[in-house]
Amino acid sequence: MSTQIPLRDLAHARSGDKGNRSNLSVFAYDPAHYDVLRQQLTPELLKEKFGGVLRGPITRYELPNLHGLNFVMDQALEGGVNESLNLDGHGKSWSAMVLGLEIIMEKTTD
């Protein structure tokens, strides 16, 4: 049996920017949850959920020793801080938005 929980219950995140590129890192609180993140948190999922804003390619880097994933998202800031009228031209809200995604967890029976 499985249940959906917010990613924020399993991980924390940091994000930043450089021009029109945003960088997002997500780290599992518990190393045991790293494989769940690795399997479900994909560039394809980010495109599916945020495709209206993520207009360029997304590259994912795995950081197994840190139990984390790093995403480099091109064309993610509507031109970047100097060109965009977006309230978050720096990409800081990517952390909160991604941590709101639902992750499927398998329930264990005791």
N, C-alpha and C. Protein backbone atom coordinates (compact mmCIF):
# COMPACT_ATOMS: atom_id res chain seq x y z
N MET A 1 0.83 -1.17 0.00
CA MET A 1 0.00 0.00 0.00
C MET A 1 0.89 1.24 0.00
N SER A 2 0.45 2.30 -0.67
CA SER A 2 1.26 3.51 -0.75
C SER A 2 0.44 4.72 -0.33
N THR A 3 1.16 5.77 -0.01
CA THR A 3 0.55 7.05 0.37
C THR A 3 1.37 8.18 -0.24
N GLN A 4 0.74 9.32 -0.43
CA GLN A 4 1.46 10.48 -0.95
C GLN A 4 1.74 11.45 0.19
N ILE A 5 2.97 11.94 0.23
CA ILE A 5 3.35 12.92 1.24
C ILE A 5 4.11 14.05 0.56
N PRO A 6 4.08 15.24 1.14
CA PRO A 6 4.85 16.34 0.56
C PRO A 6 6.35 16.05 0.63
N LEU A 7 7.05 16.40 -0.40
CA LEU A 7 8.50 16.22 -0.44
C LEU A 7 9.16 16.87 0.77
N ARG A 8 8.61 17.98 1.25
CA ARG A 8 9.21 18.68 2.40
C ARG A 8 9.27 17.81 3.66
N ASP A 9 8.47 16.75 3.71
CA ASP A 9 8.54 15.84 4.86
C ASP A 9 9.76 14.92 4.79
N LEU A 10 10.35 14.81 3.60
CA LEU A 10 11.50 13.91 3.40
C LEU A 10 12.81 14.64 3.16
N ALA A 11 12.73 15.93 2.76
CA ALA A 11 13.94 16.60 2.29
C ALA A 11 13.90 18.10 2.53
N HIS A 12 15.06 18.70 2.42
CA HIS A 12 15.17 20.16 2.42
C HIS A 12 15.83 20.56 1.11
N ALA A 13 15.75 21.85 0.77
CA ALA A 13 16.26 22.29 -0.53
C ALA A 13 16.85 23.69 -0.45
N ARG A 14 17.71 23.98 -1.41
CA ARG A 14 18.29 25.32 -1.59
C ARG A 14 18.25 25.62 -3.07
N SER A 15 18.05 26.87 -3.40
CA SER A 15 18.04 27.25 -4.81
C SER A 15 18.68 28.61 -4.99
N GLY A 16 19.11 28.87 -6.21
CA GLY A 16 19.73 30.14 -6.53
C GLY A 16 19.69 30.34 -8.03
N ASP A 17 20.44 31.34 -8.49
CA ASP A 17 20.36 31.69 -9.90
C ASP A 17 21.70 32.19 -10.43
N LYS A 18 21.77 32.21 -11.74
CA LYS A 18 22.84 32.87 -12.48
C LYS A 18 22.24 33.20 -13.83
N GLY A 19 21.92 34.45 -14.04
CA GLY A 19 21.28 34.84 -15.29
C GLY A 19 19.89 34.24 -15.39
N ASN A 20 19.62 33.52 -16.47
CA ASN A 20 18.32 32.90 -16.70
C ASN A 20 18.35 31.42 -16.32
N ARG A 21 19.33 31.03 -15.53
CA ARG A 21 19.50 29.63 -15.11
C ARG A 21 19.28 29.56 -13.60
N SER A 22 18.48 28.59 -13.18
CA SER A 22 18.27 28.36 -11.76
C SER A 22 18.90 27.04 -11.37
N ASN A 23 19.42 27.00 -10.16
CA ASN A 23 20.09 25.83 -9.63
C ASN A 23 19.34 25.42 -8.36
N LEU A 24 18.89 24.18 -8.31
CA LEU A 24 18.12 23.68 -7.17
C LEU A 24 18.76 22.40 -6.66
N SER A 25 18.99 22.35 -5.35
CA SER A 25 19.50 21.13 -4.72
C SER A 25 18.50 20.66 -3.68
N VAL A 26 18.25 19.35 -3.67
CA VAL A 26 17.32 18.73 -2.74
C VAL A 26 18.09 17.62 -2.01
N PHE A 27 18.02 17.64 -0.67
CA PHE A 27 18.76 16.68 0.15
C PHE A 27 17.81 15.95 1.08
N ALA A 28 17.88 14.63 1.10
CA ALA A 28 17.06 13.81 1.99
C ALA A 28 17.50 14.03 3.43
N TYR A 29 16.52 14.18 4.32
CA TYR A 29 16.85 14.24 5.75
C TYR A 29 17.43 12.91 6.21
N ASP A 30 16.82 11.83 5.76
CA ASP A 30 17.22 10.48 6.14
C ASP A 30 17.83 9.80 4.92
N PRO A 31 19.06 9.33 5.00
CA PRO A 31 19.69 8.67 3.85
C PRO A 31 18.83 7.54 3.27
N ALA A 32 17.98 6.92 4.09
CA ALA A 32 17.13 5.83 3.61
C ALA A 32 16.12 6.31 2.57
N HIS A 33 15.86 7.62 2.50
CA HIS A 33 14.89 8.16 1.55
C HIS A 33 15.53 8.63 0.24
N TYR A 34 16.85 8.56 0.16
CA TYR A 34 17.53 9.04 -1.04
C TYR A 34 17.05 8.32 -2.30
N ASP A 35 16.90 7.00 -2.26
CA ASP A 35 16.48 6.26 -3.45
C ASP A 35 15.07 6.65 -3.89
N VAL A 36 14.19 6.95 -2.94
CA VAL A 36 12.84 7.41 -3.29
C VAL A 36 12.94 8.74 -4.05
N LEU A 37 13.77 9.65 -3.56
CA LEU A 37 13.97 10.93 -4.24
C LEU A 37 14.56 10.71 -5.63
N ARG A 38 15.57 9.86 -5.70
CA ARG A 38 16.26 9.60 -6.96
C ARG A 38 15.30 9.02 -7.99
N GLN A 39 14.40 8.15 -7.57
CA GLN A 39 13.47 7.51 -8.49
C GLN A 39 12.35 8.46 -8.94
N GLN A 40 11.88 9.30 -8.04
CA GLN A 40 10.68 10.09 -8.36
C GLN A 40 10.94 11.54 -8.74
N LEU A 41 11.99 12.14 -8.21
CA LEU A 41 12.26 13.55 -8.49
C LEU A 41 13.15 13.64 -9.73
N THR A 42 12.51 13.78 -10.87
CA THR A 42 13.21 13.74 -12.16
C THR A 42 13.00 15.05 -12.92
N PRO A 43 13.86 15.30 -13.91
CA PRO A 43 13.61 16.46 -14.78
C PRO A 43 12.24 16.38 -15.45
N GLU A 44 11.82 15.17 -15.79
CA GLU A 44 10.52 15.00 -16.43
C GLU A 44 9.38 15.43 -15.50
N LEU A 45 9.49 15.09 -14.22
CA LEU A 45 8.47 15.50 -13.26
C LEU A 45 8.43 17.03 -13.12
N LEU A 46 9.62 17.65 -13.05
CA LEU A 46 9.67 19.10 -12.94
C LEU A 46 9.05 19.77 -14.17
N LYS A 47 9.33 19.23 -15.35
CA LYS A 47 8.73 19.76 -16.58
C LYS A 47 7.22 19.58 -16.56
N GLU A 48 6.77 18.43 -16.09
CA GLU A 48 5.32 18.16 -16.03
C GLU A 48 4.62 19.14 -15.10
N LYS A 49 5.20 19.39 -13.94
CA LYS A 49 4.56 20.22 -12.92
C LYS A 49 4.77 21.72 -13.15
N PHE A 50 5.93 22.10 -13.71
CA PHE A 50 6.26 23.52 -13.82
C PHE A 50 6.64 23.92 -15.25
N GLY A 51 6.16 23.16 -16.22
CA GLY A 51 6.53 23.40 -17.62
C GLY A 51 6.20 24.78 -18.14
N GLY A 52 5.23 25.44 -17.55
CA GLY A 52 4.90 26.79 -17.99
C GLY A 52 6.00 27.79 -17.70
N VAL A 53 6.82 27.49 -16.71
CA VAL A 53 7.91 28.39 -16.33
C VAL A 53 9.27 27.82 -16.72
N LEU A 54 9.41 26.50 -16.65
CA LEU A 54 10.67 25.85 -17.02
C LEU A 54 10.67 25.61 -18.51
N ARG A 55 11.25 26.54 -19.24
CA ARG A 55 11.16 26.50 -20.71
C ARG A 55 12.36 25.87 -21.38
N GLY A 56 13.44 25.68 -20.65
CA GLY A 56 14.65 25.11 -21.25
C GLY A 56 14.94 23.73 -20.70
N PRO A 57 16.09 23.20 -21.07
CA PRO A 57 16.48 21.88 -20.58
C PRO A 57 16.75 21.87 -19.08
N ILE A 58 16.57 20.71 -18.48
CA ILE A 58 16.87 20.51 -17.06
C ILE A 58 17.86 19.36 -16.97
N THR A 59 18.97 19.60 -16.30
CA THR A 59 19.98 18.57 -16.10
C THR A 59 20.01 18.22 -14.62
N ARG A 60 19.96 16.93 -14.32
CA ARG A 60 20.01 16.47 -12.94
C ARG A 60 21.36 15.82 -12.67
N TYR A 61 21.94 16.18 -11.54
CA TYR A 61 23.19 15.58 -11.07
C TYR A 61 22.89 14.88 -9.75
N GLU A 62 23.33 13.63 -9.64
CA GLU A 62 23.13 12.87 -8.42
C GLU A 62 24.31 13.08 -7.48
N LEU A 63 24.00 13.27 -6.21
CA LEU A 63 25.02 13.49 -5.18
C LEU A 63 24.84 12.42 -4.09
N PRO A 64 25.16 11.16 -4.41
CA PRO A 64 24.85 10.07 -3.48
C PRO A 64 25.52 10.19 -2.12
N ASN A 65 26.72 10.71 -2.06
CA ASN A 65 27.41 10.82 -0.77
C ASN A 65 26.75 11.85 0.14
N LEU A 66 26.00 12.78 -0.47
CA LEU A 66 25.28 13.80 0.29
C LEU A 66 23.79 13.50 0.37
N HIS A 67 23.36 12.41 -0.26
CA HIS A 67 21.95 12.00 -0.29
C HIS A 67 21.10 13.09 -0.94
N GLY A 68 21.64 13.65 -2.04
CA GLY A 68 20.96 14.75 -2.68
C GLY A 68 20.96 14.69 -4.19
N LEU A 69 20.17 15.60 -4.75
CA LEU A 69 20.07 15.77 -6.19
C LEU A 69 20.23 17.25 -6.49
N ASN A 70 20.92 17.56 -7.57
CA ASN A 70 21.09 18.94 -8.01
C ASN A 70 20.50 19.08 -9.40
N PHE A 71 19.66 20.09 -9.58
CA PHE A 71 19.03 20.35 -10.87
C PHE A 71 19.50 21.69 -11.39
N VAL A 72 19.97 21.70 -12.63
CA VAL A 72 20.31 22.94 -13.32
C VAL A 72 19.22 23.14 -14.36
N MET A 73 18.47 24.24 -14.19
CA MET A 73 17.29 24.49 -15.02
C MET A 73 17.53 25.73 -15.86
N ASP A 74 17.69 25.53 -17.16
CA ASP A 74 17.91 26.65 -18.08
C ASP A 74 16.59 27.28 -18.48
N GLN A 75 16.65 28.57 -18.77
CA GLN A 75 15.46 29.34 -19.16
C GLN A 75 14.36 29.17 -18.12
N ALA A 76 14.74 29.34 -16.85
CA ALA A 76 13.81 29.09 -15.75
C ALA A 76 13.39 30.37 -15.03
N LEU A 77 13.91 31.51 -15.44
CA LEU A 77 13.66 32.73 -14.67
C LEU A 77 13.12 33.87 -15.53
N GLU A 78 12.47 33.54 -16.62
CA GLU A 78 11.88 34.54 -17.51
C GLU A 78 12.87 35.64 -17.89
N GLY A 79 14.10 35.23 -18.15
CA GLY A 79 15.12 36.18 -18.57
C GLY A 79 16.14 36.52 -17.50
N GLY A 80 15.85 36.20 -16.26
CA GLY A 80 16.78 36.48 -15.17
C GLY A 80 16.45 37.77 -14.46
N VAL A 81 17.19 38.04 -13.41
CA VAL A 81 16.89 39.15 -12.52
C VAL A 81 16.92 40.51 -13.23
N ASN A 82 17.76 40.68 -14.23
CA ASN A 82 17.86 41.97 -14.90
C ASN A 82 16.84 42.16 -16.02
N GLU A 83 16.18 41.09 -16.44
CA GLU A 83 15.26 41.18 -17.57
C GLU A 83 13.82 40.89 -17.20
N SER A 84 13.58 40.18 -16.13
CA SER A 84 12.25 39.68 -15.82
C SER A 84 11.46 40.64 -14.95
N LEU A 85 10.15 40.65 -15.15
CA LEU A 85 9.24 41.36 -14.24
C LEU A 85 8.73 40.42 -13.16
N ASN A 86 9.19 39.18 -13.18
CA ASN A 86 8.82 38.16 -12.21
C ASN A 86 9.22 38.64 -10.81
N LEU A 87 8.35 38.43 -9.83
CA LEU A 87 8.66 38.83 -8.46
C LEU A 87 9.84 38.07 -7.87
N ASP A 88 10.15 36.90 -8.42
CA ASP A 88 11.26 36.10 -7.94
C ASP A 88 12.27 35.89 -9.05
N GLY A 89 12.86 36.95 -9.52
CA GLY A 89 13.85 36.86 -10.58
C GLY A 89 15.11 36.13 -10.18
N HIS A 90 15.31 35.92 -8.88
CA HIS A 90 16.49 35.21 -8.39
C HIS A 90 16.28 33.71 -8.27
N GLY A 91 15.08 33.22 -8.41
CA GLY A 91 14.83 31.78 -8.34
C GLY A 91 14.81 31.21 -6.94
N LYS A 92 14.68 32.04 -5.92
CA LYS A 92 14.69 31.53 -4.54
C LYS A 92 13.44 30.72 -4.22
N SER A 93 12.34 30.97 -4.90
CA SER A 93 11.11 30.25 -4.57
C SER A 93 11.08 28.83 -5.12
N TRP A 94 12.03 28.45 -5.97
CA TRP A 94 12.05 27.08 -6.50
C TRP A 94 12.10 26.06 -5.37
N SER A 95 12.82 26.35 -4.31
CA SER A 95 12.89 25.41 -3.18
C SER A 95 11.51 25.13 -2.62
N ALA A 96 10.76 26.18 -2.32
CA ALA A 96 9.43 26.00 -1.73
C ALA A 96 8.48 25.32 -2.70
N MET A 97 8.55 25.69 -3.96
CA MET A 97 7.63 25.09 -4.95
C MET A 97 7.89 23.60 -5.10
N VAL A 98 9.14 23.21 -5.22
CA VAL A 98 9.47 21.79 -5.42
C VAL A 98 9.20 20.99 -4.15
N LEU A 99 9.46 21.56 -2.98
CA LEU A 99 9.20 20.84 -1.74
C LEU A 99 7.71 20.60 -1.52
N GLY A 100 6.86 21.31 -2.25
CA GLY A 100 5.42 21.08 -2.18
C GLY A 100 4.93 19.93 -3.03
N LEU A 101 5.80 19.37 -3.87
CA LEU A 101 5.41 18.23 -4.70
C LEU A 101 5.10 17.02 -3.83
N GLU A 102 4.20 16.18 -4.31
CA GLU A 102 3.84 14.96 -3.59
C GLU A 102 4.76 13.81 -4.02
N ILE A 103 5.23 13.06 -3.05
CA ILE A 103 6.08 11.90 -3.27
C ILE A 103 5.30 10.66 -2.81
N ILE A 104 5.40 9.59 -3.55
CA ILE A 104 4.70 8.35 -3.19
C ILE A 104 5.61 7.52 -2.30
N MET A 105 5.12 7.19 -1.13
CA MET A 105 5.85 6.37 -0.19
C MET A 105 5.09 5.07 0.02
N GLU A 106 5.83 3.98 0.01
CA GLU A 106 5.23 2.67 0.29
C GLU A 106 5.07 2.54 1.79
N LYS A 107 3.87 2.19 2.21
CA LYS A 107 3.63 1.95 3.62
C LYS A 107 4.11 0.56 3.97
N THR A 108 4.76 0.45 5.10
CA THR A 108 5.18 -0.87 5.57
C THR A 108 4.18 -1.35 6.61
N THR A 109 3.93 -2.62 6.60
CA THR A 109 3.02 -3.20 7.59
C THR A 109 3.84 -3.80 8.71
N ASP A 110 3.43 -3.53 9.89
CA ASP A 110 4.18 -4.03 11.07
C ASP A 110 3.68 -5.36 11.53
